[in-house]
Amino acid sequence: MHRCVRVAVRYRAGVMLREFVLLGLLYLGYTVGRLFASNDMGLARAHAATIQRVESWVGLDFERTVNEVLSRLPLLEIGASYWYATLHYIVTPLVLVVLWRRAPGQYAHWRSVLVVATAVALVCYLAYPTAPPRFEPGFLDTLADTSHWGWWGSDASAPKGLGTTTNQLAAMPSMHVGWSVWSAWAIGSVLRSPRLRTLAWAYPAVTTVVIIATANHWWLDAVVGAGLVVLAAHVVHWRPRSIPVPRDVPRVPSG
């Protein structure tokens, strides 16, 4: 029995290591991919202008107004900066851990959804560089304005001194919103309480307001970011499946 336990533990550790490597490669590719992104500000602003025209055509070009409102509220400005610069680095991995521990049958599905959506977003950044609102006249760069309150500098949410590692022209789509929608959807699948599921969806709702108010994204960026997650969820067919255990390793009885 002790040998079986050791084999099972080693196997599960191997699966866990594989997941760490997979997600690490995803993040590495996401980071390195930024180095190949276009630095053509003229092209990025032209794409931003196209987005603005679409928003104006539907009568919903409200980013400047929301940004101005936030700029008059210093405490909310600082809170929004912390939200933008921090939570997606914490919440997304935390949801993965919860799924791994609480819902192994769903973990592979939701991990794949995250990978597919993020990979497609990276392609979008390379193919369609887009300037965020903070590069346009009349907008206040909230994170730059509050950088003395945190670890970020004047280059979006990049830590001070590491601005060159961030693609500044990656407004379309907003994966801050994409990852937050993924987090709420994934964690909602394991929550039994309707109230907690509703509360989980407050996260992407607030995130959407934050990315617009801080002048880091157009609202259409948020729509496309959320849409990528929905599309990825339909591409990745869900099959309830637990972490596989080899046939020759008997399950350890509980109790």
C-alpha atoms as a PDB file:
ATOM      1  CA  MET A   1       0.000   0.000   0.000  1.00  0.00           C
ATOM      2  CA  HIS A   2       2.794   2.428   0.864  1.00  0.00           C
ATOM      3  CA  ARG A   3       4.392   1.790  -2.520  1.00  0.00           C
ATOM      4  CA  CYS A   4       1.077   2.484  -4.250  1.00  0.00           C
ATOM      5  CA  VAL A   5       0.710   5.733  -2.336  1.00  0.00           C
ATOM      6  CA  ARG A   6       4.222   6.809  -3.325  1.00  0.00           C
ATOM      7  CA  VAL A   7       3.596   6.009  -6.998  1.00  0.00           C
ATOM      8  CA  ALA A   8       0.280   7.873  -6.964  1.00  0.00           C
ATOM      9  CA  VAL A   9       1.862  10.912  -5.293  1.00  0.00           C
ATOM     10  CA  ARG A  10       4.730  10.939  -7.784  1.00  0.00           C
ATOM     11  CA  TYR A  11       2.342  10.643 -10.691  1.00  0.00           C
ATOM     12  CA  ARG A  12       0.183  13.512  -9.456  1.00  0.00           C
ATOM     13  CA  ALA A  13       3.319  15.597  -8.859  1.00  0.00           C
ATOM     14  CA  GLY A  14       4.349  14.878 -12.442  1.00  0.00           C
ATOM     15  CA  VAL A  15       0.969  16.033 -13.737  1.00  0.00           C
ATOM     16  CA  MET A  16       1.243  19.173 -11.634  1.00  0.00           C
ATOM     17  CA  LEU A  17       4.744  19.850 -12.980  1.00  0.00           C
ATOM     18  CA  ARG A  18       3.441  19.443 -16.509  1.00  0.00           C
ATOM     19  CA  GLU A  19       0.745  22.024 -15.841  1.00  0.00           C
ATOM     20  CA  PHE A  20       3.274  24.473 -14.406  1.00  0.00           C
ATOM     21  CA  VAL A  21       5.476  24.027 -17.471  1.00  0.00           C
ATOM     22  CA  LEU A  22       2.535  24.468 -19.857  1.00  0.00           C
ATOM     23  CA  LEU A  23       1.290  27.632 -18.173  1.00  0.00           C
ATOM     24  CA  GLY A  24       4.861  28.903 -17.807  1.00  0.00           C
ATOM     25  CA  LEU A  25       5.430  28.437 -21.549  1.00  0.00           C
ATOM     26  CA  LEU A  26       2.171  30.280 -22.223  1.00  0.00           C
ATOM     27  CA  TYR A  27       3.275  33.231 -20.122  1.00  0.00           C
ATOM     28  CA  LEU A  28       6.759  33.142 -21.674  1.00  0.00           C
ATOM     29  CA  GLY A  29       5.272  33.156 -25.154  1.00  0.00           C
ATOM     30  CA  TYR A  30       2.933  35.968 -24.180  1.00  0.00           C
ATOM     31  CA  THR A  31       5.869  37.995 -22.848  1.00  0.00           C
ATOM     32  CA  VAL A  32       8.350  37.229 -25.629  1.00  0.00           C
ATOM     33  CA  GLY A  33       5.672  37.836 -28.238  1.00  0.00           C
ATOM     34  CA  ARG A  34       5.569  41.433 -27.133  1.00  0.00           C
ATOM     35  CA  LEU A  35       9.123  41.835 -28.431  1.00  0.00           C
ATOM     36  CA  PHE A  36       7.886  41.105 -31.948  1.00  0.00           C
ATOM     37  CA  ALA A  37       4.994  43.546 -31.730  1.00  0.00           C
ATOM     38  CA  SER A  38       4.921  46.585 -33.958  1.00  0.00           C
ATOM     39  CA  ASN A  39       6.134  49.893 -32.555  1.00  0.00           C
ATOM     40  CA  ASP A  40       4.463  51.846 -35.342  1.00  0.00           C
ATOM     41  CA  MET A  41       2.616  54.495 -33.370  1.00  0.00           C
ATOM     42  CA  GLY A  42       1.060  55.921 -36.515  1.00  0.00           C
ATOM     43  CA  LEU A  43      -0.517  52.589 -37.418  1.00  0.00           C
ATOM     44  CA  ALA A  44      -1.608  51.974 -33.817  1.00  0.00           C
ATOM     45  CA  ARG A  45      -3.282  55.386 -33.637  1.00  0.00           C
ATOM     46  CA  ALA A  46      -4.994  54.778 -36.967  1.00  0.00           C
ATOM     47  CA  HIS A  47      -6.458  51.561 -35.564  1.00  0.00           C
ATOM     48  CA  ALA A  48      -7.510  53.432 -32.410  1.00  0.00           C
ATOM     49  CA  ALA A  49      -9.184  56.067 -34.592  1.00  0.00           C
ATOM     50  CA  THR A  50     -11.128  53.323 -36.363  1.00  0.00           C
ATOM     51  CA  ILE A  51     -12.332  52.002 -33.012  1.00  0.00           C
ATOM     52  CA  GLN A  52     -13.358  55.513 -31.967  1.00  0.00           C
ATOM     53  CA  ARG A  53     -15.335  55.965 -35.184  1.00  0.00           C
ATOM     54  CA  VAL A  54     -17.204  52.708 -34.576  1.00  0.00           C
ATOM     55  CA  GLU A  55     -17.971  53.719 -30.996  1.00  0.00           C
ATOM     56  CA  SER A  56     -19.115  57.157 -32.130  1.00  0.00           C
ATOM     57  CA  TRP A  57     -21.296  55.595 -34.822  1.00  0.00           C
ATOM     58  CA  VAL A  58     -23.181  53.567 -32.195  1.00  0.00           C
ATOM     59  CA  GLY A  59     -23.286  56.585 -29.862  1.00  0.00           C
ATOM     60  CA  LEU A  60     -21.174  55.064 -27.087  1.00  0.00           C
ATOM     61  CA  ASP A  61     -17.881  56.970 -27.129  1.00  0.00           C
ATOM     62  CA  PHE A  62     -17.803  57.649 -23.385  1.00  0.00           C
ATOM     63  CA  GLU A  63     -14.194  56.787 -22.435  1.00  0.00           C
ATOM     64  CA  ARG A  64     -13.072  60.399 -22.015  1.00  0.00           C
ATOM     65  CA  THR A  65     -15.978  61.209 -19.697  1.00  0.00           C
ATOM     66  CA  VAL A  66     -15.311  58.210 -17.460  1.00  0.00           C
ATOM     67  CA  ASN A  67     -11.600  59.037 -17.382  1.00  0.00           C
ATOM     68  CA  GLU A  68     -12.342  62.635 -16.379  1.00  0.00           C
ATOM     69  CA  VAL A  69     -14.650  61.522 -13.570  1.00  0.00           C
ATOM     70  CA  LEU A  70     -11.982  59.214 -12.140  1.00  0.00           C
ATOM     71  CA  SER A  71      -9.327  61.947 -12.355  1.00  0.00           C
ATOM     72  CA  ARG A  72     -11.366  64.048  -9.906  1.00  0.00           C
ATOM     73  CA  LEU A  73     -11.465  61.273  -7.301  1.00  0.00           C
ATOM     74  CA  PRO A  74      -7.884  60.729  -6.027  1.00  0.00           C
ATOM     75  CA  LEU A  75      -8.642  57.800  -3.709  1.00  0.00           C
ATOM     76  CA  LEU A  76     -10.578  55.928  -6.383  1.00  0.00           C
ATOM     77  CA  GLU A  77      -7.797  56.776  -8.826  1.00  0.00           C
ATOM     78  CA  ILE A  78      -5.257  55.011  -6.603  1.00  0.00           C
ATOM     79  CA  GLY A  79      -7.609  52.080  -6.023  1.00  0.00           C
ATOM     80  CA  ALA A  80      -8.227  51.697  -9.750  1.00  0.00           C
ATOM     81  CA  SER A  81      -4.484  51.717 -10.418  1.00  0.00           C
ATOM     82  CA  TYR A  82      -3.895  48.946  -7.883  1.00  0.00           C
ATOM     83  CA  TRP A  83      -6.805  46.979  -9.336  1.00  0.00           C
ATOM     84  CA  TYR A  84      -5.426  47.285 -12.878  1.00  0.00           C
ATOM     85  CA  ALA A  85      -1.799  46.592 -11.969  1.00  0.00           C
ATOM     86  CA  THR A  86      -2.388  43.738  -9.534  1.00  0.00           C
ATOM     87  CA  LEU A  87      -5.505  41.604  -9.613  1.00  0.00           C
ATOM     88  CA  HIS A  88      -5.115  39.795 -12.928  1.00  0.00           C
ATOM     89  CA  TYR A  89      -1.728  38.506 -11.704  1.00  0.00           C
ATOM     90  CA  ILE A  90      -3.352  37.150  -8.529  1.00  0.00           C
ATOM     91  CA  VAL A  91      -6.923  36.131  -9.361  1.00  0.00           C
ATOM     92  CA  THR A  92      -6.224  34.149 -12.539  1.00  0.00           C
ATOM     93  CA  PRO A  93      -3.621  31.803 -10.962  1.00  0.00           C
ATOM     94  CA  LEU A  94      -5.753  31.523  -7.822  1.00  0.00           C
ATOM     95  CA  VAL A  95      -8.743  30.330  -9.851  1.00  0.00           C
ATOM     96  CA  LEU A  96      -6.529  27.728 -11.531  1.00  0.00           C
ATOM     97  CA  VAL A  97      -5.428  26.463  -8.106  1.00  0.00           C
ATOM     98  CA  VAL A  98      -9.025  26.287  -6.853  1.00  0.00           C
ATOM     99  CA  LEU A  99     -10.086  24.356  -9.947  1.00  0.00           C
ATOM    100  CA  TRP A 100      -7.164  21.965  -9.526  1.00  0.00           C
ATOM    101  CA  ARG A 101      -8.071  21.315  -5.898  1.00  0.00           C
ATOM    102  CA  ARG A 102     -11.868  21.482  -5.976  1.00  0.00           C
ATOM    103  CA  ALA A 103     -12.867  20.470  -9.510  1.00  0.00           C
ATOM    104  CA  PRO A 104     -10.221  18.328 -11.223  1.00  0.00           C
ATOM    105  CA  GLY A 105     -12.854  17.156 -13.671  1.00  0.00           C
ATOM    106  CA  GLN A 106     -13.227  20.695 -14.994  1.00  0.00           C
ATOM    107  CA  TYR A 107      -9.651  21.901 -14.618  1.00  0.00           C
ATOM    108  CA  ALA A 108      -8.382  20.723 -18.020  1.00  0.00           C
ATOM    109  CA  HIS A 109     -11.307  22.347 -19.816  1.00  0.00           C
ATOM    110  CA  TRP A 110     -10.920  25.742 -18.187  1.00  0.00           C
ATOM    111  CA  ARG A 111      -7.134  25.686 -18.491  1.00  0.00           C
ATOM    112  CA  SER A 112      -7.498  25.022 -22.212  1.00  0.00           C
ATOM    113  CA  VAL A 113     -10.015  27.854 -22.558  1.00  0.00           C
ATOM    114  CA  LEU A 114      -7.532  30.219 -20.917  1.00  0.00           C
ATOM    115  CA  VAL A 115      -4.677  29.041 -23.161  1.00  0.00           C
ATOM    116  CA  VAL A 116      -6.680  29.342 -26.384  1.00  0.00           C
ATOM    117  CA  ALA A 117      -8.096  32.785 -25.572  1.00  0.00           C
ATOM    118  CA  THR A 118      -4.697  34.147 -24.549  1.00  0.00           C
ATOM    119  CA  ALA A 119      -2.963  32.722 -27.626  1.00  0.00           C
ATOM    120  CA  VAL A 120      -5.539  34.292 -29.944  1.00  0.00           C
ATOM    121  CA  ALA A 121      -5.178  37.619 -28.107  1.00  0.00           C
ATOM    122  CA  LEU A 122      -1.425  37.533 -28.708  1.00  0.00           C
ATOM    123  CA  VAL A 123      -2.009  37.059 -32.420  1.00  0.00           C
ATOM    124  CA  CYS A 124      -4.383  40.044 -32.347  1.00  0.00           C
ATOM    125  CA  TYR A 125      -1.723  42.213 -30.697  1.00  0.00           C
ATOM    126  CA  LEU A 126       0.756  41.323 -33.422  1.00  0.00           C
ATOM    127  CA  ALA A 127      -1.701  41.700 -36.300  1.00  0.00           C
ATOM    128  CA  TYR A 128      -3.650  44.737 -35.081  1.00  0.00           C
ATOM    129  CA  PRO A 129      -1.530  47.037 -32.871  1.00  0.00           C
ATOM    130  CA  THR A 130      -3.821  49.568 -31.227  1.00  0.00           C
ATOM    131  CA  ALA A 131      -3.007  52.644 -29.176  1.00  0.00           C
ATOM    132  CA  PRO A 132      -4.864  52.880 -25.853  1.00  0.00           C
ATOM    133  CA  PRO A 133      -6.809  56.032 -24.962  1.00  0.00           C
ATOM    134  CA  ARG A 134      -3.987  57.294 -22.706  1.00  0.00           C
ATOM    135  CA  PHE A 135      -1.945  58.001 -25.844  1.00  0.00           C
ATOM    136  CA  GLU A 136      -4.672  60.243 -27.234  1.00  0.00           C
ATOM    137  CA  PRO A 137      -5.055  63.986 -26.464  1.00  0.00           C
ATOM    138  CA  GLY A 138      -7.455  64.828 -23.655  1.00  0.00           C
ATOM    139  CA  PHE A 139      -6.961  61.643 -21.631  1.00  0.00           C
ATOM    140  CA  LEU A 140      -5.193  61.337 -18.278  1.00  0.00           C
ATOM    141  CA  ASP A 141      -2.866  58.357 -17.907  1.00  0.00           C
ATOM    142  CA  THR A 142      -4.109  57.231 -14.489  1.00  0.00           C
ATOM    143  CA  LEU A 143      -1.342  54.758 -13.728  1.00  0.00           C
ATOM    144  CA  ALA A 144       1.365  57.270 -14.658  1.00  0.00           C
ATOM    145  CA  ASP A 145      -0.395  59.876 -12.514  1.00  0.00           C
ATOM    146  CA  THR A 146      -0.456  57.542  -9.499  1.00  0.00           C
ATOM    147  CA  SER A 147       2.872  55.752 -10.050  1.00  0.00           C
ATOM    148  CA  HIS A 148       4.347  57.285  -6.884  1.00  0.00           C
ATOM    149  CA  TRP A 149       1.773  55.243  -4.919  1.00  0.00           C
ATOM    150  CA  GLY A 150       2.808  51.869  -6.277  1.00  0.00           C
ATOM    151  CA  TRP A 151       5.412  49.752  -8.066  1.00  0.00           C
ATOM    152  CA  TRP A 152       4.246  50.568 -11.587  1.00  0.00           C
ATOM    153  CA  GLY A 153       5.812  53.290 -13.698  1.00  0.00           C
ATOM    154  CA  SER A 154       4.467  55.328 -16.578  1.00  0.00           C
ATOM    155  CA  ASP A 155       4.258  52.323 -18.932  1.00  0.00           C
ATOM    156  CA  ALA A 156       0.841  50.833 -18.136  1.00  0.00           C
ATOM    157  CA  SER A 157       1.117  48.241 -15.359  1.00  0.00           C
ATOM    158  CA  ALA A 158       4.769  47.325 -15.943  1.00  0.00           C
ATOM    159  CA  PRO A 159       6.978  47.633 -12.833  1.00  0.00           C
ATOM    160  CA  LYS A 160       9.156  50.715 -12.736  1.00  0.00           C
ATOM    161  CA  GLY A 161      12.165  50.297 -14.978  1.00  0.00           C
ATOM    162  CA  LEU A 162      10.616  47.423 -16.945  1.00  0.00           C
ATOM    163  CA  GLY A 163       8.500  49.422 -19.351  1.00  0.00           C
ATOM    164  CA  THR A 164      10.384  48.054 -22.360  1.00  0.00           C
ATOM    165  CA  THR A 165       9.094  44.557 -21.553  1.00  0.00           C
ATOM    166  CA  THR A 166       5.504  45.670 -22.094  1.00  0.00           C
ATOM    167  CA  ASN A 167       3.764  46.075 -25.428  1.00  0.00           C
ATOM    168  CA  GLN A 168       2.293  49.559 -25.139  1.00  0.00           C
ATOM    169  CA  LEU A 169       0.200  49.106 -28.282  1.00  0.00           C
ATOM    170  CA  ALA A 170      -1.784  46.069 -27.127  1.00  0.00           C
ATOM    171  CA  ALA A 171      -5.127  47.683 -26.380  1.00  0.00           C
ATOM    172  CA  MET A 172      -7.208  45.409 -28.623  1.00  0.00           C
ATOM    173  CA  PRO A 173      -8.385  43.089 -27.127  1.00  0.00           C
ATOM    174  CA  SER A 174      -8.368  43.697 -23.369  1.00  0.00           C
ATOM    175  CA  MET A 175      -7.259  40.497 -21.699  1.00  0.00           C
ATOM    176  CA  HIS A 176      -7.649  42.188 -18.329  1.00  0.00           C
ATOM    177  CA  VAL A 177     -11.343  41.831 -19.116  1.00  0.00           C
ATOM    178  CA  GLY A 178     -10.875  38.502 -20.887  1.00  0.00           C
ATOM    179  CA  TRP A 179      -9.075  36.929 -17.933  1.00  0.00           C
ATOM    180  CA  SER A 180     -11.581  38.388 -15.470  1.00  0.00           C
ATOM    181  CA  VAL A 181     -14.508  36.952 -17.452  1.00  0.00           C
ATOM    182  CA  TRP A 182     -12.684  33.616 -17.573  1.00  0.00           C
ATOM    183  CA  SER A 183     -12.091  33.768 -13.806  1.00  0.00           C
ATOM    184  CA  ALA A 184     -15.737  34.510 -12.984  1.00  0.00           C
ATOM    185  CA  TRP A 185     -17.035  31.875 -15.396  1.00  0.00           C
ATOM    186  CA  ALA A 186     -14.601  29.193 -14.248  1.00  0.00           C
ATOM    187  CA  ILE A 187     -14.986  29.772 -10.520  1.00  0.00           C
ATOM    188  CA  GLY A 188     -18.747  30.071 -10.941  1.00  0.00           C
ATOM    189  CA  SER A 189     -18.780  26.528 -12.277  1.00  0.00           C
ATOM    190  CA  VAL A 190     -17.668  25.194  -8.880  1.00  0.00           C
ATOM    191  CA  LEU A 191     -19.601  27.551  -6.612  1.00  0.00           C
ATOM    192  CA  ARG A 192     -22.897  26.207  -5.294  1.00  0.00           C
ATOM    193  CA  SER A 193     -24.259  29.457  -3.918  1.00  0.00           C
ATOM    194  CA  PRO A 194     -26.083  31.673  -6.445  1.00  0.00           C
ATOM    195  CA  ARG A 195     -25.032  34.705  -4.400  1.00  0.00           C
ATOM    196  CA  LEU A 196     -21.363  33.779  -4.635  1.00  0.00           C
ATOM    197  CA  ARG A 197     -21.675  33.198  -8.376  1.00  0.00           C
ATOM    198  CA  THR A 198     -23.233  36.640  -8.736  1.00  0.00           C
ATOM    199  CA  LEU A 199     -20.451  38.128  -6.635  1.00  0.00           C
ATOM    200  CA  ALA A 200     -17.859  36.432  -8.857  1.00  0.00           C
ATOM    201  CA  TRP A 201     -19.256  38.294 -11.859  1.00  0.00           C
ATOM    202  CA  ALA A 202     -18.713  41.589 -10.056  1.00  0.00           C
ATOM    203  CA  TYR A 203     -15.004  41.077 -10.742  1.00  0.00           C
ATOM    204  CA  PRO A 204     -15.193  41.420 -14.554  1.00  0.00           C
ATOM    205  CA  ALA A 205     -17.792  44.173 -14.201  1.00  0.00           C
ATOM    206  CA  VAL A 206     -15.479  46.313 -12.045  1.00  0.00           C
ATOM    207  CA  THR A 207     -12.480  45.395 -14.174  1.00  0.00           C
ATOM    208  CA  THR A 208     -14.273  46.689 -17.273  1.00  0.00           C
ATOM    209  CA  VAL A 209     -14.933  50.026 -15.589  1.00  0.00           C
ATOM    210  CA  VAL A 210     -11.327  50.202 -14.387  1.00  0.00           C
ATOM    211  CA  ILE A 211      -9.671  49.542 -17.754  1.00  0.00           C
ATOM    212  CA  ILE A 212     -11.811  52.264 -19.338  1.00  0.00           C
ATOM    213  CA  ALA A 213     -11.557  54.809 -16.518  1.00  0.00           C
ATOM    214  CA  THR A 214      -7.761  54.514 -16.328  1.00  0.00           C
ATOM    215  CA  ALA A 215      -7.530  55.183 -20.106  1.00  0.00           C
ATOM    216  CA  ASN A 216      -5.872  51.842 -20.808  1.00  0.00           C
ATOM    217  CA  HIS A 217      -8.568  50.468 -23.118  1.00  0.00           C
ATOM    218  CA  TRP A 218     -11.510  51.394 -25.298  1.00  0.00           C
ATOM    219  CA  TRP A 219     -14.782  49.740 -24.356  1.00  0.00           C
ATOM    220  CA  LEU A 220     -14.695  47.756 -27.606  1.00  0.00           C
ATOM    221  CA  ASP A 221     -11.418  46.228 -26.384  1.00  0.00           C
ATOM    222  CA  ALA A 222     -13.354  44.878 -23.408  1.00  0.00           C
ATOM    223  CA  VAL A 223     -16.095  43.440 -25.621  1.00  0.00           C
ATOM    224  CA  VAL A 224     -13.580  41.644 -27.832  1.00  0.00           C
ATOM    225  CA  GLY A 225     -11.603  40.386 -24.818  1.00  0.00           C
ATOM    226  CA  ALA A 226     -14.726  38.869 -23.288  1.00  0.00           C
ATOM    227  CA  GLY A 227     -15.790  37.540 -26.696  1.00  0.00           C
ATOM    228  CA  LEU A 228     -12.492  35.687 -27.114  1.00  0.00           C
ATOM    229  CA  VAL A 229     -13.131  33.791 -23.884  1.00  0.00           C
ATOM    230  CA  VAL A 230     -16.663  32.872 -24.982  1.00  0.00           C
ATOM    231  CA  LEU A 231     -15.332  31.754 -28.369  1.00  0.00           C
ATOM    232  CA  ALA A 232     -12.546  29.722 -26.754  1.00  0.00           C
ATOM    233  CA  ALA A 233     -15.063  28.045 -24.436  1.00  0.00           C
ATOM    234  CA  HIS A 234     -17.044  26.905 -27.488  1.00  0.00           C
ATOM    235  CA  VAL A 235     -13.937  25.720 -29.310  1.00  0.00           C
ATOM    236  CA  VAL A 236     -12.733  23.703 -26.329  1.00  0.00           C
ATOM    237  CA  HIS A 237     -15.418  21.071 -25.877  1.00  0.00           C
ATOM    238  CA  TRP A 238     -16.029  20.254 -22.235  1.00  0.00           C
ATOM    239  CA  ARG A 239     -15.755  16.670 -21.121  1.00  0.00           C
ATOM    240  CA  PRO A 240     -15.850  16.032 -17.355  1.00  0.00           C
ATOM    241  CA  ARG A 241     -12.589  14.240 -16.725  1.00  0.00           C
ATOM    242  CA  SER A 242     -10.533  13.891 -13.553  1.00  0.00           C
ATOM    243  CA  ILE A 243      -6.767  13.956 -13.397  1.00  0.00           C
ATOM    244  CA  PRO A 244      -5.829  10.598 -14.975  1.00  0.00           C
ATOM    245  CA  VAL A 245      -4.412   7.844 -12.791  1.00  0.00           C
ATOM    246  CA  PRO A 246      -2.532   4.928 -14.388  1.00  0.00           C
ATOM    247  CA  ARG A 247      -4.313   1.598 -14.423  1.00  0.00           C
ATOM    248  CA  ASP A 248      -1.609  -0.053 -12.356  1.00  0.00           C
ATOM    249  CA  VAL A 249      -1.877   2.513  -9.553  1.00  0.00           C
ATOM    250  CA  PRO A 250      -4.874   1.689  -7.340  1.00  0.00           C
ATOM    251  CA  ARG A 251      -6.723   4.607  -5.848  1.00  0.00           C
ATOM    252  CA  VAL A 252      -5.918   5.151  -2.195  1.00  0.00           C
ATOM    253  CA  PRO A 253      -9.016   4.578  -0.043  1.00  0.00           C
ATOM    254  CA  SER A 254     -10.084   7.582   1.989  1.00  0.00           C
ATOM    255  CA  GLY A 255     -10.494   7.536   5.729  1.00  0.00           C
END
